[in-house]
Amino acid sequence: MEGESPESVETSTIQSRLKGIDEHKVLTLDSTHRIQFDPAKDLVFHYFESLPQHPNGMRFCAFNDQGDLLATNEYFSIGGGFVVNERTQLNHGENVFYKKEQDQETKANKVIPQTRRNQDLAPAALPFSNATELLELCKRENMTIAQVVYENELRWRSAAEIREKTFAIWNTMDNAIKNGCLSTEEMLPGRLRVRRRAPGLYKKLLKGLYSTTPLYKETNVFGGSRGQEGGSGLVHSAPERGIDKVLPRRSVKRLMLPALDYLSVYAIAVNEENAAGGRVVTAPTNGAAGVIPAVLKYYLEFISDNPEQDIMEFLLTTAAIGMLYKRGASISAAEMGCQGEVGVACSMASAGFAAVMGGTVQQVENAAEIGMEHNLGLTCDPIDGLVQIPCIERNALGAVKAVTAAQLALNGDGHHRVTLDQVIETMRQTGNDMQAKYKETSQGGLSGKWIIGEVFLY
């Protein structure tokens, strides 16, 4: 409301500015017009009510100094940073406003959010509205999913601009990883008092102190050290004893996938930045912002031999999959639960990873389907309403799951029983059937009952 842009606001000033508004009771609209604003009185939360159009709604009311109502309007946050109202028109058949208008009833000439440039209104070169159409396009044109998206983008901006904007997205993602890993803050904001873990985990990885890395040398309880033979790294069995006796501490076994530890840390770093008010990329949402950056960073650091090309292919592929979910269901946890956030991010990242690994279009679609299939029914139940527990760890698991889903798809031939369109529709139906307490309201699931110090949360 003060006129700042998420892309350019100095994030380090946000907390102090919020504190200033709270203390001085003044809000500067669009950086020009100062009004009296007391958050405790003028910002009213209706925790157990929602507007009929969408569960994430806000009603704005403007009054003069005599208290007379001058204007009112309602806006809805539909996920991924998209904000609409009843007069928001639909984009090329995309059902962006609470799914009350059928796709066949919408026309391309109806679409015009006021902020879009005129060239954005040109029809796509290769339009598609579901995965079936996308696969048919790829087959007919002999193109990859990324190439289809690129051709469509060329209708609205130059090749240089596409490249610039795509790399700006990646640089923001990469900076979120870096800032999260190198943060000197100990705690995340909020009364949960959650400690930042990414900096410590990252330092351990660099020093080879992770239990899953070959350089882990911590002495075990039997003498010797892990990672060495003889004296040793080989842990001998303890003498037999009854189950009622205290057993000695077992050594942590080393895995052969140390790179996956980086994958988890990258995701945790991004979501700790999000929890602390840092700059992240909605991918497809802030709550799921760690999955895609983590998977792409993992690929670039450990696999890629052509980073610039791979960044383009990965992000253009993930964008296509994200569009399918936004059009066919929703990327709002308030509508779908966490399956619409981390689930969609996992599906998108699975597709992107399969694409840069050389998968066929069919394998990429299969990877996206697997990525969602095993997130169906995932609830959104952040404790105390903070995007910290279970959200931060959930992104780490989502990133690992994305790589696994892609590997499963790459080991197949692209033929599978459940299609991506079917799993998107299943996600939509599941979200509609899900009780409201499991959809971002912090009234059920993990957030249903939780004790913090002497505070009992309901």
Foldseek 3Di string as FASTA:
>chain_A
DCQDDLLDDPLVCVVVVVVVCQVVQWHHHNVHRIDRHHCVPRPDDDLPDADPFFRAKDKDWDADPVRHTDDIAMWGDFFQPDIDGPQAWDAQLFPQTSPPDHSVPHHLVRHDDPVDDPLVSDDFPQDDQALVSLVVSCVVVVHALLVSLVSRVVSRDPPVVLLVVLVSQLVQLVVLLVCLLPPPDQFFDDLLRDGRDLVVLVVCLVVQCDLQGLVNFDAAPVAQTANAPDSHNDDDDDPDDDPPDDDGDDRRHYDPCSLLSQLLSSLLSNLSCLLRRHRFRPLSHSLLRRQQSSLLVSCVVPPDPDNSVLSSQLVSQLVVLLSNLVRLAGLALLQQFCLSGLLSSLLSNLLSNLVSVPHDNLLSQQLSLQSSVVCAPHFHADAPLGSVVPRSSSSSVSNVSSPVSNVVSRVDDSDDDAGSSNSSNSSRVSSNPDDSNRRSSNCDDPSVWDDRPPDIGD
